[in-house]
């Protein structure tokens, strides 16, 4: 079973994504921010990370940079609200495997995940 870590500070976004992913057969884990994500990943192996771009304390780009240094083989899909295309482009240059726009559309979210998983 594929394990997906969802990192987002918005509980309703986590709930929405979790409902879609668990219905599709994924195992899900959550983190409310990126502060402790590196420690979390040392004891919780995951196949994929869904990472929000806009969060307090550390933003998604900062977290992505650290993830790529410490866990370069774990693919990361960035999540953002519409209108953040320049930040999404930066995330892709930093190493994101893809992105999805909020609010989540089931087919788009699952399609993005399946495309990334197929490349592994």
N, C-alpha and C. Protein backbone atom coordinates (compact mmCIF):
# COMPACT_ATOMS: atom_id res chain seq x y z
N UNK A 1 0.83 -1.17 0.00
CA UNK A 1 0.00 0.00 0.00
C UNK A 1 0.89 1.25 0.00
N UNK A 2 0.58 2.20 -0.83
CA UNK A 2 1.33 3.45 -0.93
C UNK A 2 0.98 4.36 0.24
N UNK A 3 2.02 4.87 0.91
CA UNK A 3 1.84 5.79 2.03
C UNK A 3 2.13 7.21 1.59
N UNK A 4 1.18 8.10 1.85
CA UNK A 4 1.29 9.51 1.47
C UNK A 4 1.29 10.36 2.73
N UNK A 5 2.31 11.21 2.86
CA UNK A 5 2.36 12.17 3.95
C UNK A 5 1.79 13.49 3.46
N UNK A 6 0.77 13.98 4.16
CA UNK A 6 0.14 15.26 3.82
C UNK A 6 0.63 16.31 4.81
N UNK A 7 1.26 17.37 4.31
CA UNK A 7 1.78 18.43 5.17
C UNK A 7 1.02 19.71 4.83
N UNK A 8 0.18 20.14 5.76
CA UNK A 8 -0.65 21.33 5.52
C UNK A 8 -1.12 21.86 6.87
N UNK A 9 -1.16 23.17 7.01
CA UNK A 9 -1.59 23.78 8.26
C UNK A 9 -3.10 23.99 8.32
N UNK A 10 -3.80 23.70 7.24
CA UNK A 10 -5.25 23.90 7.20
C UNK A 10 -5.96 22.56 7.37
N UNK A 11 -6.61 22.36 8.53
CA UNK A 11 -7.27 21.07 8.78
C UNK A 11 -8.33 20.70 7.74
N UNK A 12 -9.04 21.66 7.20
CA UNK A 12 -10.07 21.31 6.21
C UNK A 12 -9.44 20.82 4.91
N UNK A 13 -8.28 21.39 4.53
CA UNK A 13 -7.58 20.90 3.34
C UNK A 13 -7.07 19.47 3.58
N UNK A 14 -6.55 19.22 4.77
CA UNK A 14 -6.09 17.86 5.12
C UNK A 14 -7.27 16.89 5.07
N UNK A 15 -8.40 17.28 5.65
CA UNK A 15 -9.58 16.40 5.66
C UNK A 15 -10.04 16.09 4.24
N UNK A 16 -10.05 17.12 3.39
CA UNK A 16 -10.49 16.94 2.00
C UNK A 16 -9.57 15.97 1.26
N UNK A 17 -8.26 16.20 1.37
CA UNK A 17 -7.30 15.32 0.69
C UNK A 17 -7.35 13.92 1.27
N UNK A 18 -7.43 13.82 2.58
CA UNK A 18 -7.47 12.52 3.24
C UNK A 18 -8.66 11.70 2.76
N UNK A 19 -9.82 12.32 2.63
CA UNK A 19 -11.01 11.59 2.17
C UNK A 19 -10.80 11.03 0.77
N UNK A 20 -10.21 11.83 -0.11
CA UNK A 20 -9.97 11.39 -1.49
C UNK A 20 -8.96 10.25 -1.51
N UNK A 21 -7.87 10.42 -0.77
CA UNK A 21 -6.79 9.43 -0.83
C UNK A 21 -7.16 8.11 -0.15
N UNK A 22 -7.81 8.16 1.00
CA UNK A 22 -8.18 6.91 1.66
C UNK A 22 -9.23 6.14 0.86
N UNK A 23 -10.14 6.86 0.23
CA UNK A 23 -11.14 6.20 -0.63
C UNK A 23 -10.46 5.50 -1.81
N UNK A 24 -9.35 6.08 -2.28
CA UNK A 24 -8.62 5.50 -3.41
C UNK A 24 -7.66 4.40 -2.97
N UNK A 25 -7.58 4.13 -1.67
CA UNK A 25 -6.76 3.02 -1.20
C UNK A 25 -5.38 3.38 -0.71
N UNK A 26 -5.09 4.65 -0.52
CA UNK A 26 -3.79 5.07 0.00
C UNK A 26 -3.81 5.08 1.52
N UNK A 27 -2.66 4.83 2.11
CA UNK A 27 -2.48 5.02 3.55
C UNK A 27 -2.00 6.46 3.72
N UNK A 28 -2.56 7.19 4.66
CA UNK A 28 -2.19 8.59 4.82
C UNK A 28 -1.65 8.88 6.22
N UNK A 29 -0.69 9.80 6.25
CA UNK A 29 -0.15 10.35 7.48
C UNK A 29 -0.22 11.87 7.34
N UNK A 30 -0.24 12.59 8.47
CA UNK A 30 -0.34 14.04 8.39
C UNK A 30 0.68 14.72 9.30
N UNK A 31 1.05 15.92 8.90
CA UNK A 31 1.85 16.83 9.70
C UNK A 31 1.28 18.22 9.49
N UNK A 32 1.11 19.00 10.58
CA UNK A 32 0.48 20.31 10.44
C UNK A 32 1.40 21.40 9.94
N UNK A 33 2.70 21.13 9.88
CA UNK A 33 3.66 22.12 9.38
C UNK A 33 4.95 21.41 9.04
N UNK A 34 5.93 22.15 8.61
CA UNK A 34 7.19 21.53 8.22
C UNK A 34 8.26 21.53 9.28
N UNK A 35 7.95 22.05 10.46
CA UNK A 35 8.95 22.21 11.51
C UNK A 35 9.59 20.87 11.90
N UNK A 36 8.80 19.84 12.08
CA UNK A 36 9.32 18.56 12.56
C UNK A 36 9.30 17.47 11.49
N UNK A 37 9.12 17.85 10.26
CA UNK A 37 8.95 16.85 9.20
C UNK A 37 10.19 15.97 9.02
N UNK A 38 11.38 16.53 9.13
CA UNK A 38 12.58 15.72 8.93
C UNK A 38 12.71 14.65 10.00
N UNK A 39 12.44 15.02 11.25
CA UNK A 39 12.45 14.02 12.33
C UNK A 39 11.35 12.99 12.13
N UNK A 40 10.18 13.45 11.74
CA UNK A 40 9.05 12.56 11.51
C UNK A 40 9.40 11.50 10.46
N UNK A 41 10.05 11.92 9.39
CA UNK A 41 10.36 10.99 8.29
C UNK A 41 11.41 9.95 8.66
N UNK A 42 12.22 10.21 9.66
CA UNK A 42 13.21 9.21 10.06
C UNK A 42 12.55 7.99 10.69
N UNK A 43 11.36 8.17 11.26
CA UNK A 43 10.68 7.04 11.89
C UNK A 43 9.37 6.64 11.20
N UNK A 44 9.00 7.37 10.15
CA UNK A 44 7.77 7.08 9.41
C UNK A 44 8.07 7.09 7.91
N UNK A 45 8.46 5.96 7.35
CA UNK A 45 8.75 5.94 5.91
C UNK A 45 7.50 6.21 5.08
N UNK A 46 7.65 7.01 4.05
CA UNK A 46 6.54 7.34 3.17
C UNK A 46 6.98 7.17 1.72
N UNK A 47 6.00 7.03 0.84
CA UNK A 47 6.28 6.88 -0.59
C UNK A 47 6.17 8.20 -1.34
N UNK A 48 5.44 9.15 -0.75
CA UNK A 48 5.15 10.41 -1.43
C UNK A 48 4.76 11.45 -0.39
N UNK A 49 5.12 12.71 -0.66
CA UNK A 49 4.74 13.81 0.23
C UNK A 49 3.91 14.81 -0.56
N UNK A 50 2.77 15.18 0.01
CA UNK A 50 1.93 16.27 -0.52
C UNK A 50 2.21 17.46 0.39
N UNK A 51 2.77 18.53 -0.16
CA UNK A 51 3.28 19.64 0.65
C UNK A 51 2.63 20.95 0.25
N UNK A 52 1.99 21.59 1.21
CA UNK A 52 1.38 22.90 0.99
C UNK A 52 2.48 23.95 0.79
N UNK A 53 2.24 24.88 -0.11
CA UNK A 53 3.21 25.94 -0.36
C UNK A 53 3.19 27.03 0.71
N UNK A 54 2.01 27.40 1.16
CA UNK A 54 1.88 28.54 2.07
C UNK A 54 1.54 28.03 3.47
N UNK A 55 2.53 28.14 4.37
CA UNK A 55 2.34 27.75 5.77
C UNK A 55 3.12 28.71 6.64
N UNK A 56 2.72 28.85 7.90
CA UNK A 56 3.47 29.73 8.80
C UNK A 56 4.83 29.11 9.18
N UNK A 57 5.71 29.90 9.65
CA UNK A 57 7.05 29.53 10.12
C UNK A 57 7.94 29.14 8.96
N UNK A 58 7.75 27.98 8.37
CA UNK A 58 8.51 27.56 7.18
C UNK A 58 7.54 27.42 6.02
N UNK A 59 7.87 28.03 4.89
CA UNK A 59 6.98 27.87 3.73
C UNK A 59 7.36 26.60 2.98
N UNK A 60 6.52 26.23 2.05
CA UNK A 60 6.72 24.99 1.31
C UNK A 60 8.03 24.90 0.56
N UNK A 61 8.50 26.03 0.02
CA UNK A 61 9.78 26.03 -0.72
C UNK A 61 10.93 25.72 0.23
N UNK A 62 10.94 26.34 1.41
CA UNK A 62 12.00 26.07 2.38
C UNK A 62 11.99 24.61 2.81
N UNK A 63 10.81 24.08 3.05
CA UNK A 63 10.68 22.68 3.45
C UNK A 63 11.14 21.77 2.32
N UNK A 64 10.73 22.07 1.10
CA UNK A 64 11.12 21.28 -0.07
C UNK A 64 12.64 21.22 -0.20
N UNK A 65 13.31 22.35 -0.03
CA UNK A 65 14.78 22.37 -0.12
C UNK A 65 15.40 21.41 0.89
N UNK A 66 14.91 21.44 2.12
CA UNK A 66 15.45 20.55 3.16
C UNK A 66 15.12 19.08 2.86
N UNK A 67 13.92 18.83 2.39
CA UNK A 67 13.54 17.46 2.03
C UNK A 67 14.44 16.91 0.94
N UNK A 68 14.74 17.71 -0.06
CA UNK A 68 15.56 17.25 -1.18
C UNK A 68 16.99 16.97 -0.73
N UNK A 69 17.48 17.67 0.30
CA UNK A 69 18.82 17.41 0.84
C UNK A 69 18.85 16.10 1.63
N UNK A 70 17.86 15.90 2.49
CA UNK A 70 17.87 14.77 3.42
C UNK A 70 17.18 13.52 2.89
N UNK A 71 16.16 13.69 2.07
CA UNK A 71 15.38 12.57 1.53
C UNK A 71 15.17 12.76 0.03
N UNK A 72 16.24 12.75 -0.75
CA UNK A 72 16.12 13.09 -2.17
C UNK A 72 15.29 12.12 -3.00
N UNK A 73 15.08 10.91 -2.50
CA UNK A 73 14.33 9.93 -3.30
C UNK A 73 12.82 9.97 -3.07
N UNK A 74 12.38 10.71 -2.05
CA UNK A 74 10.93 10.80 -1.80
C UNK A 74 10.36 11.90 -2.70
N UNK A 75 9.45 11.55 -3.60
CA UNK A 75 8.86 12.58 -4.45
C UNK A 75 7.92 13.48 -3.65
N UNK A 76 7.91 14.76 -4.03
CA UNK A 76 7.08 15.76 -3.36
C UNK A 76 6.19 16.43 -4.39
N UNK A 77 4.89 16.43 -4.11
CA UNK A 77 3.93 17.17 -4.94
C UNK A 77 3.49 18.38 -4.14
N UNK A 78 3.66 19.55 -4.72
CA UNK A 78 3.28 20.79 -4.06
C UNK A 78 1.78 21.04 -4.23
N UNK A 79 1.18 21.65 -3.22
CA UNK A 79 -0.24 21.99 -3.23
C UNK A 79 -0.35 23.50 -3.03
N UNK A 80 -1.14 24.15 -3.87
CA UNK A 80 -1.27 25.59 -3.72
C UNK A 80 -2.63 26.05 -4.21
N UNK A 81 -2.99 27.23 -3.75
CA UNK A 81 -4.20 27.87 -4.26
C UNK A 81 -3.91 28.44 -5.64
N UNK A 82 -4.93 28.60 -6.43
CA UNK A 82 -4.76 29.21 -7.75
C UNK A 82 -4.15 30.60 -7.58
N UNK A 83 -3.39 31.03 -8.57
CA UNK A 83 -2.79 32.35 -8.54
C UNK A 83 -1.36 32.36 -8.05
N UNK A 84 -0.81 31.22 -7.71
CA UNK A 84 0.56 31.15 -7.22
C UNK A 84 1.48 30.49 -8.25
N UNK A 85 1.22 30.71 -9.52
CA UNK A 85 1.95 30.02 -10.58
C UNK A 85 3.46 30.26 -10.52
N UNK A 86 3.89 31.48 -10.15
CA UNK A 86 5.33 31.75 -10.08
C UNK A 86 5.99 30.95 -8.97
N UNK A 87 5.31 30.80 -7.86
CA UNK A 87 5.86 30.01 -6.74
C UNK A 87 5.88 28.53 -7.11
N UNK A 88 4.86 28.08 -7.81
CA UNK A 88 4.83 26.68 -8.26
C UNK A 88 6.00 26.42 -9.21
N UNK A 89 6.27 27.35 -10.11
CA UNK A 89 7.40 27.21 -11.04
C UNK A 89 8.71 27.10 -10.27
N UNK A 90 8.87 27.90 -9.23
CA UNK A 90 10.06 27.82 -8.39
C UNK A 90 10.14 26.45 -7.72
N UNK A 91 9.04 25.96 -7.20
CA UNK A 91 9.01 24.66 -6.55
C UNK A 91 9.45 23.56 -7.51
N UNK A 92 9.02 23.63 -8.73
CA UNK A 92 9.42 22.62 -9.73
C UNK A 92 10.92 22.71 -10.00
N UNK A 93 11.47 23.92 -10.03
CA UNK A 93 12.92 24.07 -10.23
C UNK A 93 13.70 23.54 -9.03
N UNK A 94 13.16 23.68 -7.83
CA UNK A 94 13.82 23.21 -6.61
C UNK A 94 13.78 21.69 -6.50
N UNK A 95 12.81 21.06 -7.16
CA UNK A 95 12.79 19.59 -7.15
C UNK A 95 11.44 18.94 -6.93
N UNK A 96 10.37 19.72 -6.90
CA UNK A 96 9.04 19.12 -6.76
C UNK A 96 8.75 18.24 -7.97
N UNK A 97 8.07 17.14 -7.72
CA UNK A 97 7.72 16.21 -8.79
C UNK A 97 6.45 16.63 -9.52
N UNK A 98 5.70 17.55 -8.94
CA UNK A 98 4.46 18.01 -9.56
C UNK A 98 3.74 18.95 -8.63
N UNK A 99 2.54 19.34 -9.01
CA UNK A 99 1.74 20.22 -8.17
C UNK A 99 0.26 20.01 -8.46
N UNK A 100 -0.55 20.35 -7.48
CA UNK A 100 -2.00 20.35 -7.64
C UNK A 100 -2.54 21.65 -7.06
N UNK A 101 -3.64 22.10 -7.63
CA UNK A 101 -4.25 23.36 -7.22
C UNK A 101 -5.42 23.07 -6.28
N UNK A 102 -5.51 23.86 -5.22
CA UNK A 102 -6.65 23.80 -4.30
C UNK A 102 -7.76 24.70 -4.82
N UNK A 103 -9.01 24.41 -4.55
CA UNK A 103 -9.52 23.22 -3.88
C UNK A 103 -9.29 21.98 -4.73
N UNK A 104 -9.12 20.86 -4.08
CA UNK A 104 -8.76 19.63 -4.76
C UNK A 104 -9.90 19.09 -5.63
N UNK A 105 -9.52 18.72 -6.84
CA UNK A 105 -10.41 17.99 -7.73
C UNK A 105 -9.92 16.54 -7.70
N UNK A 106 -10.80 15.64 -7.38
CA UNK A 106 -10.43 14.24 -7.18
C UNK A 106 -9.59 13.68 -8.33
N UNK A 107 -10.05 13.84 -9.57
CA UNK A 107 -9.33 13.27 -10.71
C UNK A 107 -7.96 13.89 -10.89
N UNK A 108 -7.85 15.20 -10.68
CA UNK A 108 -6.56 15.88 -10.82
C UNK A 108 -5.59 15.42 -9.73
N UNK A 109 -6.07 15.34 -8.50
CA UNK A 109 -5.22 14.92 -7.39
C UNK A 109 -4.71 13.50 -7.59
N UNK A 110 -5.62 12.58 -7.87
CA UNK A 110 -5.22 11.18 -8.06
C UNK A 110 -4.36 11.01 -9.30
N UNK A 111 -4.66 11.75 -10.37
CA UNK A 111 -3.84 11.67 -11.58
C UNK A 111 -2.41 12.13 -11.33
N UNK A 112 -2.24 13.21 -10.57
CA UNK A 112 -0.90 13.70 -10.25
C UNK A 112 -0.12 12.68 -9.43
N UNK A 113 -0.79 12.08 -8.46
CA UNK A 113 -0.12 11.08 -7.62
C UNK A 113 0.24 9.84 -8.45
N UNK A 114 -0.67 9.37 -9.24
CA UNK A 114 -0.40 8.17 -10.05
C UNK A 114 0.74 8.40 -11.03
N UNK A 115 0.82 9.60 -11.60
CA UNK A 115 1.91 9.92 -12.54
C UNK A 115 3.26 9.87 -11.83
N UNK A 116 3.33 10.43 -10.62
CA UNK A 116 4.58 10.44 -9.87
C UNK A 116 4.95 9.03 -9.43
N UNK A 117 4.00 8.27 -8.95
CA UNK A 117 4.26 6.91 -8.50
C UNK A 117 4.74 6.03 -9.66
N UNK A 118 4.18 6.24 -10.84
CA UNK A 118 4.55 5.44 -12.01
C UNK A 118 6.01 5.68 -12.41
N UNK A 119 6.56 6.85 -12.10
CA UNK A 119 7.96 7.17 -12.44
C UNK A 119 8.95 6.52 -11.49
N UNK A 120 8.48 6.03 -10.34
CA UNK A 120 9.40 5.47 -9.34
C UNK A 120 9.86 4.13 -9.74
